[in-house]
Amino acid sequence: MATKGLILAGGKGTRLYPLTHIFSKQLQPVYDKPMIYYPLSTLMLGGIKDILIISTPIDTPNYEKLLGDGSQWGINLEYVVQESPAGLPQAFILGEDFINKEQSCLILGDNIFYGKLDFLRNGLKENLGGTIFAYKVENPQEYGVVEFNKEKIVISIEEKPNEPKSNFAIPGLYIFDENVSNYSKNLKPSKRGELEITDLQKIYLAEEKLNVQQISRGVAWLDTGTPGSLLDAANFIQAIEKRQGLKIACLEEIALLMNFINMEEYENTVNNLPNCDYKNYCLKILKEI
């Protein structure tokens, strides 16, 4: 089944102000790459080639300038403007024509995953309605929390509960079937005045079509919404890249390894890069393959 990818890269990023006074949060650097490279790489590594980027009227042209139409990586990138943020399910309303009644996978633009992505590939392959992911954390009360049984059937979902029923948080990565846009349009705003992703998940839960993929302890999930977490993520990426000599979220390398582009196309893309460490790394990959 084909899957459409969506990256929600809107919002004001007020917790990162004044960094975000001029540029969107997802355009901020995480070590040596713009933040949006990381969620984009996650979707690409999941085998997703058709991706919609949702952002503000001011920032959308910057994403188009940065990423283009995606053809250099063998993918198709499209863009839609979110005039004002009204909750995560709004992505499925704005992206209804793009999704075109197919399965879709939404990732938040400030979520970074590092490690084996089997959980995502399994989720895409096995999804029969809605699929969320479970990541064990020390402070579940700060997140949406999922409780599930041994069969990976979701029992309950709570948003930032005072007394969590499990230690499993729900990261900003979601898979839904072709009904998601219609369900989202029928949601009512919460007291915050926004459509809530938890309410969308509960529709699938009521239909007994919401399952969970547990993320193993070998995978790192990083949220970059605050100055401290942004710095932590940058230090983490730097440490891994320095230790292994391999770049995380190098889109050219991923496109080649996923067979989205061939060797000739890879060379052409890399040769068009300006002289920099990133280009040098891509050239090094050519010698190692």
Protein backbone atom coordinates (compact mmCIF):
# COMPACT_ATOMS: atom_id res chain seq x y z
CA MET A 1 0.00 0.00 0.00
CA ALA A 2 1.31 3.44 -0.96
CA THR A 3 1.76 5.85 1.92
CA LYS A 4 1.70 9.62 1.75
CA GLY A 5 3.99 11.45 4.16
CA LEU A 6 3.21 14.72 5.91
CA ILE A 7 5.58 16.95 7.87
CA LEU A 8 3.94 19.55 10.09
CA ALA A 9 6.45 22.40 10.28
CA GLY A 10 4.23 25.29 11.31
CA GLY A 11 3.65 27.01 14.61
CA LYS A 12 5.38 30.01 16.12
CA GLY A 13 8.07 28.19 18.10
CA THR A 14 7.61 30.61 20.98
CA ARG A 15 9.55 28.43 23.41
CA LEU A 16 12.63 29.02 21.26
CA TYR A 17 12.21 32.79 20.97
CA PRO A 18 14.17 34.87 19.95
CA LEU A 19 15.70 32.16 17.72
CA THR A 20 12.35 31.83 15.98
CA HIS A 21 11.63 35.54 15.58
CA ILE A 22 12.82 35.45 11.97
CA PHE A 23 13.05 31.79 11.00
CA SER A 24 10.78 28.83 11.68
CA LYS A 25 11.76 26.40 14.42
CA GLN A 26 12.19 23.61 11.86
CA LEU A 27 14.72 25.70 9.95
CA GLN A 28 16.97 26.03 13.01
CA PRO A 29 20.22 24.04 12.93
CA VAL A 30 20.54 20.75 14.75
CA TYR A 31 24.32 20.50 14.70
CA ASP A 32 25.15 20.59 10.97
CA LYS A 33 21.76 20.37 9.24
CA PRO A 34 18.41 22.18 9.35
CA MET A 35 16.01 20.52 11.77
CA ILE A 36 13.58 19.53 9.01
CA TYR A 37 16.22 17.25 7.45
CA TYR A 38 15.72 14.81 10.33
CA PRO A 39 11.95 14.14 10.04
CA LEU A 40 12.30 14.16 6.26
CA SER A 41 15.01 11.49 6.52
CA THR A 42 12.76 9.40 8.80
CA LEU A 43 10.00 9.33 6.20
CA MET A 44 12.48 8.54 3.42
CA LEU A 45 13.97 5.67 5.44
CA GLY A 46 10.42 4.40 5.89
CA GLY A 47 10.21 4.14 2.10
CA ILE A 48 7.90 7.13 1.67
CA LYS A 49 8.51 9.19 -1.47
CA ASP A 50 5.46 11.49 -1.68
CA ILE A 51 5.69 14.07 1.09
CA LEU A 52 3.70 17.20 1.92
CA ILE A 53 5.29 19.95 3.99
CA ILE A 54 2.84 22.12 5.93
CA SER A 55 4.03 25.48 7.24
CA THR A 56 3.18 29.13 7.73
CA PRO A 57 2.67 31.73 4.96
CA ILE A 58 5.99 33.34 5.89
CA ASP A 59 8.06 30.17 6.21
CA THR A 60 6.74 28.04 3.34
CA PRO A 61 8.83 29.90 0.70
CA ASN A 62 11.94 29.23 2.81
CA TYR A 63 11.22 25.49 2.82
CA GLU A 64 10.66 25.56 -0.93
CA LYS A 65 14.01 27.35 -1.36
CA LEU A 66 15.78 24.85 0.92
CA LEU A 67 14.27 21.60 -0.36
CA GLY A 68 12.81 22.30 -3.80
CA ASP A 69 10.58 19.66 -5.34
CA GLY A 70 12.66 16.80 -3.92
CA SER A 71 13.67 15.46 -7.34
CA GLN A 72 17.36 15.67 -6.40
CA TRP A 73 16.60 12.92 -3.85
CA GLY A 74 14.19 10.97 -6.04
CA ILE A 75 11.16 12.03 -4.04
CA ASN A 76 8.17 14.31 -4.60
CA LEU A 77 7.82 17.26 -2.24
CA GLU A 78 4.72 19.42 -2.18
CA TYR A 79 3.77 22.32 0.05
CA VAL A 80 0.64 23.74 1.63
CA VAL A 81 0.21 26.84 3.76
CA GLN A 82 -1.27 26.68 7.24
CA GLU A 83 -2.72 30.16 7.77
CA SER A 84 -2.94 29.67 11.53
CA PRO A 85 -2.20 26.63 13.71
CA ALA A 86 -5.36 24.83 14.85
CA GLY A 87 -4.05 21.49 16.13
CA LEU A 88 -2.26 18.48 14.65
CA PRO A 89 -5.31 16.95 12.91
CA GLN A 90 -5.51 20.11 10.82
CA ALA A 91 -2.63 18.60 8.81
CA PHE A 92 -4.97 15.92 7.49
CA ILE A 93 -7.58 18.50 6.54
CA LEU A 94 -5.09 20.72 4.72
CA GLY A 95 -3.55 17.64 3.11
CA GLU A 96 -6.81 15.94 2.10
CA ASP A 97 -6.27 16.33 -1.65
CA PHE A 98 -2.64 15.28 -1.32
CA ILE A 99 -3.51 12.18 0.74
CA ASN A 100 -6.16 11.32 -1.87
CA LYS A 101 -7.75 8.54 0.19
CA GLU A 102 -4.51 6.67 0.78
CA GLN A 103 -2.69 5.70 3.97
CA SER A 104 -0.74 8.60 5.46
CA CYS A 105 2.06 9.10 7.95
CA LEU A 106 2.41 12.37 9.84
CA ILE A 107 5.61 13.38 11.58
CA LEU A 108 6.11 16.57 13.54
CA GLY A 109 8.92 18.71 12.23
CA ASP A 110 10.70 18.92 15.58
CA ASN A 111 10.89 15.16 16.24
CA ILE A 112 14.18 13.34 15.64
CA PHE A 113 14.57 9.56 15.59
CA TYR A 114 17.92 7.79 15.52
CA GLY A 115 18.43 4.04 15.26
CA LYS A 116 16.78 1.14 13.47
CA LEU A 117 13.43 2.19 12.08
CA ASP A 118 11.89 -1.27 11.99
CA PHE A 119 9.09 0.02 14.21
CA LEU A 120 8.08 2.51 11.50
CA ARG A 121 8.35 0.03 8.63
CA ASN A 122 6.30 -2.51 10.59
CA GLY A 123 3.73 0.12 11.43
CA LEU A 124 3.36 1.13 7.80
CA LYS A 125 3.05 -2.47 6.68
CA GLU A 126 0.69 -3.69 9.41
CA ASN A 127 -1.58 -0.67 9.86
CA LEU A 128 -5.29 -1.49 9.55
CA GLY A 129 -6.69 1.79 10.86
CA GLY A 130 -4.49 3.89 13.06
CA THR A 131 -1.03 3.17 14.44
CA ILE A 132 0.78 5.11 17.13
CA PHE A 133 4.18 4.50 18.66
CA ALA A 134 5.21 3.94 22.26
CA TYR A 135 8.50 5.16 23.71
CA LYS A 136 9.41 4.48 27.32
CA VAL A 137 10.23 7.64 29.28
CA GLU A 138 10.95 8.63 32.87
CA ASN A 139 8.48 11.52 32.83
CA PRO A 140 5.32 10.28 31.05
CA GLN A 141 3.17 12.97 32.68
CA GLU A 142 4.70 15.47 30.26
CA TYR A 143 3.42 13.64 27.18
CA GLY A 144 0.48 11.87 25.68
CA VAL A 145 0.53 8.43 27.33
CA VAL A 146 -0.60 5.13 25.81
CA GLU A 147 -1.60 1.98 27.70
CA PHE A 148 -1.65 -1.25 25.70
CA ASN A 149 -1.85 -5.01 26.19
CA LYS A 150 0.46 -7.86 25.09
CA GLU A 151 -1.25 -8.01 21.70
CA LYS A 152 -0.28 -4.36 21.07
CA ILE A 153 -3.92 -3.35 21.28
CA VAL A 154 -4.36 0.12 22.76
CA ILE A 155 -6.43 0.20 25.93
CA SER A 156 -6.30 3.89 26.78
CA ILE A 157 -4.79 7.23 25.74
CA GLU A 158 -4.36 10.18 28.06
CA GLU A 159 -2.89 13.62 27.44
CA LYS A 160 -0.35 14.66 30.10
CA PRO A 161 -2.05 12.73 32.94
CA ASN A 162 -1.22 13.46 36.57
CA GLU A 163 -1.17 9.72 37.25
CA PRO A 164 0.00 7.97 34.07
CA LYS A 165 -1.22 4.41 33.47
CA SER A 166 2.08 3.52 31.80
CA ASN A 167 5.57 4.90 31.17
CA PHE A 168 5.06 4.92 27.41
CA ALA A 169 4.86 8.31 25.71
CA ILE A 170 3.47 8.84 22.22
CA PRO A 171 6.04 10.52 19.94
CA GLY A 172 5.04 12.91 17.16
CA LEU A 173 4.73 10.18 14.52
CA TYR A 174 1.37 8.78 13.46
CA ILE A 175 -0.04 6.47 10.78
CA PHE A 176 -3.68 6.56 9.69
CA ASP A 177 -5.81 4.95 7.02
CA GLU A 178 -7.74 6.67 4.22
CA ASN A 179 -10.48 7.87 6.59
CA VAL A 180 -8.30 10.26 8.55
CA SER A 181 -9.22 13.46 6.69
CA ASN A 182 -12.95 12.87 7.12
CA TYR A 183 -12.53 12.02 10.79
CA SER A 184 -10.41 15.15 11.32
CA LYS A 185 -13.03 17.39 9.68
CA ASN A 186 -15.63 16.11 12.15
CA LEU A 187 -13.55 16.87 15.25
CA LYS A 188 -14.56 19.72 17.53
CA PRO A 189 -11.99 22.11 19.01
CA SER A 190 -10.95 21.50 22.59
CA LYS A 191 -10.91 24.09 25.35
CA ARG A 192 -7.61 25.25 23.87
CA GLY A 193 -9.44 26.11 20.66
CA GLU A 194 -7.54 23.45 18.70
CA LEU A 195 -8.26 20.06 17.19
CA GLU A 196 -6.55 17.43 19.35
CA ILE A 197 -4.62 14.46 17.99
CA THR A 198 -5.74 12.52 21.07
CA ASP A 199 -9.39 12.95 20.04
CA LEU A 200 -8.55 11.64 16.56
CA GLN A 201 -6.80 8.62 18.04
CA LYS A 202 -9.79 7.93 20.26
CA ILE A 203 -12.04 7.60 17.20
CA TYR A 204 -9.87 4.75 15.96
CA LEU A 205 -9.69 3.35 19.48
CA ALA A 206 -13.50 3.26 19.71
CA GLU A 207 -13.57 1.36 16.42
CA GLU A 208 -10.96 -1.07 17.80
CA LYS A 209 -8.64 -0.06 14.96
CA LEU A 210 -5.87 1.64 16.91
CA ASN A 211 -2.72 -0.38 17.46
CA VAL A 212 0.72 0.46 18.77
CA GLN A 213 4.29 -0.22 17.69
CA GLN A 214 6.72 -0.20 20.59
CA ILE A 215 10.01 1.56 19.94
CA SER A 216 12.93 -0.49 21.18
CA ARG A 217 15.52 0.77 23.64
CA GLY A 218 18.08 0.94 20.82
CA VAL A 219 16.30 3.92 19.28
CA ALA A 220 16.70 7.51 20.41
CA TRP A 221 13.73 9.87 20.21
CA LEU A 222 14.60 13.53 20.61
CA ASP A 223 12.22 16.47 20.89
CA THR A 224 13.72 19.84 20.01
CA GLY A 225 11.08 22.27 21.22
CA THR A 226 13.10 24.07 23.91
CA PRO A 227 16.58 25.65 23.91
CA GLY A 228 17.87 22.90 26.21
CA SER A 229 16.46 20.02 24.17
CA LEU A 230 17.69 21.65 20.96
CA LEU A 231 21.21 21.80 22.38
CA ASP A 232 20.96 18.22 23.66
CA ALA A 233 19.93 17.04 20.20
CA ALA A 234 22.81 18.91 18.54
CA ASN A 235 25.33 17.44 21.00
CA PHE A 236 23.88 13.96 20.46
CA ILE A 237 24.13 14.23 16.67
CA GLN A 238 27.67 15.60 16.89
CA ALA A 239 28.80 12.80 19.21
CA ILE A 240 27.41 10.04 16.98
CA GLU A 241 28.75 11.55 13.76
CA LYS A 242 32.19 12.21 15.25
CA ARG A 243 32.41 8.71 16.71
CA GLN A 244 31.26 6.81 13.62
CA GLY A 245 32.34 9.12 10.82
CA LEU A 246 28.82 8.74 9.41
CA LYS A 247 26.31 11.52 9.00
CA ILE A 248 22.78 11.30 10.36
CA ALA A 249 20.01 12.53 8.01
CA CYS A 250 22.24 13.00 4.97
CA LEU A 251 19.42 13.08 2.42
CA GLU A 252 21.65 12.40 -0.58
CA GLU A 253 23.10 9.27 1.02
CA ILE A 254 19.67 8.04 2.11
CA ALA A 255 18.24 8.57 -1.37
CA LEU A 256 21.05 6.46 -2.82
CA LEU A 257 20.79 3.69 -0.22
CA MET A 258 16.99 3.53 -0.63
CA ASN A 259 17.42 3.30 -4.43
CA PHE A 260 15.41 6.49 -4.92
CA ILE A 261 18.25 7.67 -7.17
CA ASN A 262 21.02 5.85 -9.03
CA MET A 263 24.74 6.46 -8.78
CA GLU A 264 24.84 8.90 -11.69
CA GLU A 265 22.02 10.95 -10.22
CA TYR A 266 23.75 10.92 -6.85
CA GLU A 267 26.99 12.21 -8.37
CA ASN A 268 25.16 14.98 -10.22
CA THR A 269 23.36 16.08 -7.06
CA VAL A 270 26.53 16.03 -4.96
CA ASN A 271 28.55 17.91 -7.54
CA ASN A 272 25.99 20.71 -7.43
CA LEU A 273 26.54 21.20 -3.70
CA PRO A 274 28.78 24.08 -2.60
CA ASN A 275 32.19 23.21 -1.20
CA CYS A 276 31.66 22.28 2.44
CA ASP A 277 32.10 19.41 4.89
CA TYR A 278 28.67 18.07 3.92
CA LYS A 279 29.74 17.79 0.27
CA ASN A 280 33.05 16.23 1.28
CA TYR A 281 31.16 13.57 3.21
CA CYS A 282 28.93 12.82 0.21
CA LEU A 283 32.02 12.50 -2.00
CA LYS A 284 33.56 10.14 0.54
CA ILE A 285 30.48 7.92 0.28
CA LEU A 286 31.14 7.60 -3.46
CA LYS A 287 34.57 6.16 -2.78
CA GLU A 288 33.27 3.69 -0.19
CA ILE A 289 30.46 2.17 -2.24
